Amino acid sequence: MRSESPATADLIVVLAGDYSGNRILAAGDLVRRGFAPKALVSGPSGEYGLHETDLAIPFAVRHGYPESYFIPLPNDDRSTKDEAADVLAALRQRHVRRVDIVTSDYHTRRAGSIYRARVPKLDPGLEIHMVAAPDLYFTPEGWWKNREGRKTFLLEWMKTVATWFGM
């Protein structure tokens, strides 16, 4: 895990793939605490013709965060690598110089390496901070204690190895 403390930023980014809502709630909390004025919420298309943003933002609203905190970024990405291209393009379009990227604690290392590998080529002035949101089943101290934690560990490591090979 390679999580950092949040820093004052131009924008918070919520990466897709969290079906418990912890990522968007962590981002809402960062906006509420004044780390950035808004959160860009990435969300691929999926179940029943909806984008993840169509579900995540109302979820955060039901948990007390104003809808105005969030900017939807619907997409059709199926990997962190593809998502990074769309997110970085959206950040460039908005002239963002500092960003806190919120993802699950198990995902910060791989996602951070993917984003940081692209930034020097696409937007050398962009400063990125990877911020961990807790996962329901995975904790670094006890992921092996439950089936979902073990599955998360295995899947993330398979994706990490695939990323090392450029897949």
C-alpha atoms as a PDB file:
ATOM      1  CA  MET A   1       0.000   0.000   0.000  1.00  0.00           C
ATOM      2  CA  ARG A   2       1.294   3.441  -0.910  1.00  0.00           C
ATOM      3  CA  SER A   3      -1.152   5.854   0.614  1.00  0.00           C
ATOM      4  CA  GLU A   4      -0.352   9.468   1.342  1.00  0.00           C
ATOM      5  CA  SER A   5      -1.967  12.062   3.505  1.00  0.00           C
ATOM      6  CA  PRO A   6      -4.383  14.287   1.625  1.00  0.00           C
ATOM      7  CA  ALA A   7      -3.045  17.678   0.592  1.00  0.00           C
ATOM      8  CA  THR A   8      -4.791  20.876  -0.354  1.00  0.00           C
ATOM      9  CA  ALA A   9      -5.709  20.351  -4.002  1.00  0.00           C
ATOM     10  CA  ASP A  10      -7.565  21.879  -6.919  1.00  0.00           C
ATOM     11  CA  LEU A  11      -9.730  18.785  -7.183  1.00  0.00           C
ATOM     12  CA  ILE A  12     -10.321  15.392  -5.579  1.00  0.00           C
ATOM     13  CA  VAL A  13     -10.649  12.412  -7.942  1.00  0.00           C
ATOM     14  CA  VAL A  14     -12.642   9.313  -7.008  1.00  0.00           C
ATOM     15  CA  LEU A  15     -11.519   6.245  -8.948  1.00  0.00           C
ATOM     16  CA  ALA A  16     -14.151   3.770 -10.075  1.00  0.00           C
ATOM     17  CA  GLY A  17     -14.510   0.227  -8.816  1.00  0.00           C
ATOM     18  CA  ASP A  18     -15.701   0.601  -5.232  1.00  0.00           C
ATOM     19  CA  TYR A  19     -19.096  -0.949  -4.762  1.00  0.00           C
ATOM     20  CA  SER A  20     -19.310  -0.254  -1.028  1.00  0.00           C
ATOM     21  CA  GLY A  21     -19.241   3.544  -1.364  1.00  0.00           C
ATOM     22  CA  ASN A  22     -16.176   4.084   0.824  1.00  0.00           C
ATOM     23  CA  ARG A  23     -14.239   5.910  -1.904  1.00  0.00           C
ATOM     24  CA  ILE A  24     -16.919   8.500  -2.609  1.00  0.00           C
ATOM     25  CA  LEU A  25     -17.627   9.000   1.085  1.00  0.00           C
ATOM     26  CA  ALA A  26     -13.903   9.571   1.722  1.00  0.00           C
ATOM     27  CA  ALA A  27     -13.868  12.104  -1.128  1.00  0.00           C
ATOM     28  CA  GLY A  28     -16.960  13.854   0.216  1.00  0.00           C
ATOM     29  CA  ASP A  29     -15.248  14.102   3.580  1.00  0.00           C
ATOM     30  CA  LEU A  30     -12.139  15.641   1.984  1.00  0.00           C
ATOM     31  CA  VAL A  31     -14.274  18.251   0.200  1.00  0.00           C
ATOM     32  CA  ARG A  32     -16.161  18.968   3.428  1.00  0.00           C
ATOM     33  CA  ARG A  33     -12.857  19.390   5.290  1.00  0.00           C
ATOM     34  CA  GLY A  34     -11.663  21.914   2.692  1.00  0.00           C
ATOM     35  CA  PHE A  35      -8.966  19.930   0.892  1.00  0.00           C
ATOM     36  CA  ALA A  36     -10.548  20.804  -2.481  1.00  0.00           C
ATOM     37  CA  PRO A  37     -13.718  22.533  -3.685  1.00  0.00           C
ATOM     38  CA  LYS A  38     -15.095  19.498  -5.569  1.00  0.00           C
ATOM     39  CA  ALA A  39     -14.584  15.828  -6.386  1.00  0.00           C
ATOM     40  CA  LEU A  40     -14.485  14.406  -9.903  1.00  0.00           C
ATOM     41  CA  VAL A  41     -16.180  10.996  -9.799  1.00  0.00           C
ATOM     42  CA  SER A  42     -15.070   8.468 -12.407  1.00  0.00           C
ATOM     43  CA  GLY A  43     -17.568   5.784 -13.251  1.00  0.00           C
ATOM     44  CA  PRO A  44     -17.774   3.257 -16.054  1.00  0.00           C
ATOM     45  CA  SER A  45     -20.970   2.028 -17.611  1.00  0.00           C
ATOM     46  CA  GLY A  46     -22.244  -1.196 -16.203  1.00  0.00           C
ATOM     47  CA  GLU A  47     -25.258  -2.656 -14.515  1.00  0.00           C
ATOM     48  CA  TYR A  48     -28.669  -1.980 -16.030  1.00  0.00           C
ATOM     49  CA  GLY A  49     -27.339   0.688 -18.385  1.00  0.00           C
ATOM     50  CA  LEU A  50     -26.139   2.945 -15.572  1.00  0.00           C
ATOM     51  CA  HIS A  51     -22.727   4.456 -14.972  1.00  0.00           C
ATOM     52  CA  GLU A  52     -21.124   4.010 -11.579  1.00  0.00           C
ATOM     53  CA  THR A  53     -21.406   7.802 -11.145  1.00  0.00           C
ATOM     54  CA  ASP A  54     -25.212   7.444 -11.424  1.00  0.00           C
ATOM     55  CA  LEU A  55     -25.124   5.304  -8.294  1.00  0.00           C
ATOM     56  CA  ALA A  56     -22.181   6.731  -6.347  1.00  0.00           C
ATOM     57  CA  ILE A  57     -23.211  10.381  -6.240  1.00  0.00           C
ATOM     58  CA  PRO A  58     -26.781   9.720  -4.982  1.00  0.00           C
ATOM     59  CA  PHE A  59     -25.260   7.331  -2.430  1.00  0.00           C
ATOM     60  CA  ALA A  60     -23.053  10.145  -1.110  1.00  0.00           C
ATOM     61  CA  VAL A  61     -26.047  12.510  -1.055  1.00  0.00           C
ATOM     62  CA  ARG A  62     -27.999   9.973   1.039  1.00  0.00           C
ATOM     63  CA  HIS A  63     -25.042  10.020   3.441  1.00  0.00           C
ATOM     64  CA  GLY A  64     -25.263  13.786   3.927  1.00  0.00           C
ATOM     65  CA  TYR A  65     -22.963  15.221   1.267  1.00  0.00           C
ATOM     66  CA  PRO A  66     -24.360  17.881  -1.081  1.00  0.00           C
ATOM     67  CA  GLU A  67     -24.636  16.867  -4.733  1.00  0.00           C
ATOM     68  CA  SER A  68     -22.774  20.084  -5.565  1.00  0.00           C
ATOM     69  CA  TYR A  69     -19.582  18.510  -4.143  1.00  0.00           C
ATOM     70  CA  PHE A  70     -19.390  16.066  -7.052  1.00  0.00           C
ATOM     71  CA  ILE A  71     -18.689  16.252 -10.784  1.00  0.00           C
ATOM     72  CA  PRO A  72     -19.604  13.070 -12.677  1.00  0.00           C
ATOM     73  CA  LEU A  73     -17.113  11.653 -15.182  1.00  0.00           C
ATOM     74  CA  PRO A  74     -19.017   8.815 -16.854  1.00  0.00           C
ATOM     75  CA  ASN A  75     -16.868   6.639 -19.096  1.00  0.00           C
ATOM     76  CA  ASP A  76     -16.588   3.173 -20.580  1.00  0.00           C
ATOM     77  CA  ASP A  77     -13.199   2.302 -19.123  1.00  0.00           C
ATOM     78  CA  ARG A  78     -12.513  -1.253 -18.021  1.00  0.00           C
ATOM     79  CA  SER A  79      -9.055  -0.815 -16.497  1.00  0.00           C
ATOM     80  CA  THR A  80      -7.195   1.609 -14.247  1.00  0.00           C
ATOM     81  CA  LYS A  81      -4.868   2.321 -17.171  1.00  0.00           C
ATOM     82  CA  ASP A  82      -7.733   3.376 -19.452  1.00  0.00           C
ATOM     83  CA  GLU A  83      -9.388   5.290 -16.631  1.00  0.00           C
ATOM     84  CA  ALA A  84      -6.135   7.208 -16.048  1.00  0.00           C
ATOM     85  CA  ALA A  85      -6.175   8.491 -19.636  1.00  0.00           C
ATOM     86  CA  ASP A  86      -9.720   9.835 -19.250  1.00  0.00           C
ATOM     87  CA  VAL A  87      -9.149  11.270 -15.775  1.00  0.00           C
ATOM     88  CA  LEU A  88      -5.907  12.995 -16.779  1.00  0.00           C
ATOM     89  CA  ALA A  89      -7.590  14.482 -19.843  1.00  0.00           C
ATOM     90  CA  ALA A  90     -10.389  15.826 -17.632  1.00  0.00           C
ATOM     91  CA  LEU A  91      -7.827  17.293 -15.222  1.00  0.00           C
ATOM     92  CA  ARG A  92      -5.940  18.999 -18.073  1.00  0.00           C
ATOM     93  CA  GLN A  93      -9.203  20.401 -19.408  1.00  0.00           C
ATOM     94  CA  ARG A  94      -9.905  21.893 -15.968  1.00  0.00           C
ATOM     95  CA  HIS A  95      -6.304  23.201 -15.571  1.00  0.00           C
ATOM     96  CA  VAL A  96      -5.793  21.187 -12.380  1.00  0.00           C
ATOM     97  CA  ARG A  97      -2.270  21.427 -10.904  1.00  0.00           C
ATOM     98  CA  ARG A  98      -2.747  19.505  -7.618  1.00  0.00           C
ATOM     99  CA  VAL A  99      -5.009  16.503  -7.126  1.00  0.00           C
ATOM    100  CA  ASP A 100      -5.845  14.032  -4.380  1.00  0.00           C
ATOM    101  CA  ILE A 101      -6.823  10.697  -5.948  1.00  0.00           C
ATOM    102  CA  VAL A 102      -9.021   8.568  -3.695  1.00  0.00           C
ATOM    103  CA  THR A 103      -9.072   4.817  -4.163  1.00  0.00           C
ATOM    104  CA  SER A 104      -9.270   1.723  -1.967  1.00  0.00           C
ATOM    105  CA  ASP A 105      -6.315   1.098   0.326  1.00  0.00           C
ATOM    106  CA  TYR A 106      -5.245  -2.040  -1.591  1.00  0.00           C
ATOM    107  CA  HIS A 107      -5.304  -0.115  -4.905  1.00  0.00           C
ATOM    108  CA  THR A 108      -3.181   2.948  -4.051  1.00  0.00           C
ATOM    109  CA  ARG A 109       0.175   1.448  -5.035  1.00  0.00           C
ATOM    110  CA  ARG A 110      -0.808   0.171  -8.484  1.00  0.00           C
ATOM    111  CA  ALA A 111      -3.050   3.126  -9.328  1.00  0.00           C
ATOM    112  CA  GLY A 112      -0.396   5.581  -8.170  1.00  0.00           C
ATOM    113  CA  SER A 113       2.266   3.967 -10.344  1.00  0.00           C
ATOM    114  CA  ILE A 114      -0.044   4.033 -13.380  1.00  0.00           C
ATOM    115  CA  TYR A 115      -0.901   7.715 -12.890  1.00  0.00           C
ATOM    116  CA  ARG A 116       2.652   8.772 -12.089  1.00  0.00           C
ATOM    117  CA  ALA A 117       4.004   6.964 -15.170  1.00  0.00           C
ATOM    118  CA  ARG A 118       1.653   8.973 -17.407  1.00  0.00           C
ATOM    119  CA  VAL A 119       1.964  12.401 -15.793  1.00  0.00           C
ATOM    120  CA  PRO A 120       5.491  13.328 -16.988  1.00  0.00           C
ATOM    121  CA  LYS A 121       4.463  12.699 -20.596  1.00  0.00           C
ATOM    122  CA  LEU A 122       1.009  14.240 -20.497  1.00  0.00           C
ATOM    123  CA  ASP A 123       1.079  16.895 -17.802  1.00  0.00           C
ATOM    124  CA  PRO A 124       4.492  17.335 -16.160  1.00  0.00           C
ATOM    125  CA  GLY A 125       3.296  20.022 -13.742  1.00  0.00           C
ATOM    126  CA  LEU A 126       0.561  17.908 -12.150  1.00  0.00           C
ATOM    127  CA  GLU A 127       1.102  16.994  -8.491  1.00  0.00           C
ATOM    128  CA  ILE A 128      -0.638  13.774  -7.399  1.00  0.00           C
ATOM    129  CA  HIS A 129      -1.419  12.494  -3.904  1.00  0.00           C
ATOM    130  CA  MET A 130      -2.859   8.989  -3.541  1.00  0.00           C
ATOM    131  CA  VAL A 131      -5.348   8.833  -0.665  1.00  0.00           C
ATOM    132  CA  ALA A 132      -6.634   5.513   0.676  1.00  0.00           C
ATOM    133  CA  ALA A 133     -10.255   4.810   1.466  1.00  0.00           C
ATOM    134  CA  PRO A 134     -10.912   1.771   3.660  1.00  0.00           C
ATOM    135  CA  ASP A 135     -12.260  -1.410   2.098  1.00  0.00           C
ATOM    136  CA  LEU A 136     -14.993  -3.506   3.700  1.00  0.00           C
ATOM    137  CA  TYR A 137     -13.068  -6.773   3.481  1.00  0.00           C
ATOM    138  CA  PHE A 138      -9.418  -5.959   2.871  1.00  0.00           C
ATOM    139  CA  THR A 139      -7.066  -4.646   5.539  1.00  0.00           C
ATOM    140  CA  PRO A 140      -3.282  -4.939   5.331  1.00  0.00           C
ATOM    141  CA  GLU A 141      -3.289  -6.410   8.836  1.00  0.00           C
ATOM    142  CA  GLY A 142      -5.848  -9.161   8.195  1.00  0.00           C
ATOM    143  CA  TRP A 143      -6.804  -9.629   4.536  1.00  0.00           C
ATOM    144  CA  TRP A 144      -6.212 -13.397   4.822  1.00  0.00           C
ATOM    145  CA  LYS A 145      -8.874 -13.789   7.522  1.00  0.00           C
ATOM    146  CA  ASN A 146     -11.879 -13.671   5.184  1.00  0.00           C
ATOM    147  CA  ARG A 147     -12.658 -14.963   1.717  1.00  0.00           C
ATOM    148  CA  GLU A 148     -13.351 -11.545   0.183  1.00  0.00           C
ATOM    149  CA  GLY A 149     -10.064 -10.188   1.537  1.00  0.00           C
ATOM    150  CA  ARG A 150      -8.154 -13.108   0.037  1.00  0.00           C
ATOM    151  CA  LYS A 151      -9.904 -12.627  -3.324  1.00  0.00           C
ATOM    152  CA  THR A 152      -9.120  -8.897  -3.280  1.00  0.00           C
ATOM    153  CA  PHE A 153      -5.456  -9.608  -2.522  1.00  0.00           C
ATOM    154  CA  LEU A 154      -5.140 -12.182  -5.287  1.00  0.00           C
ATOM    155  CA  LEU A 155      -6.943 -10.078  -7.900  1.00  0.00           C
ATOM    156  CA  GLU A 156      -4.921  -6.957  -7.081  1.00  0.00           C
ATOM    157  CA  TRP A 157      -1.646  -8.880  -7.287  1.00  0.00           C
ATOM    158  CA  MET A 158      -2.641 -10.399 -10.631  1.00  0.00           C
ATOM    159  CA  LYS A 159      -3.421  -6.909 -11.918  1.00  0.00           C
ATOM    160  CA  THR A 160      -0.126  -5.599 -10.522  1.00  0.00           C
ATOM    161  CA  VAL A 161       1.880  -8.290 -12.311  1.00  0.00           C
ATOM    162  CA  ALA A 162      -0.076  -7.649 -15.511  1.00  0.00           C
ATOM    163  CA  THR A 163       0.740  -3.933 -15.191  1.00  0.00           C
ATOM    164  CA  TRP A 164       4.464  -4.769 -14.821  1.00  0.00           C
ATOM    165  CA  PHE A 165       4.251  -6.601 -18.154  1.00  0.00           C
ATOM    166  CA  GLY A 166       2.421  -3.722 -19.825  1.00  0.00           C
ATOM    167  CA  MET A 167      -0.876  -5.564 -20.049  1.00  0.00           C
END
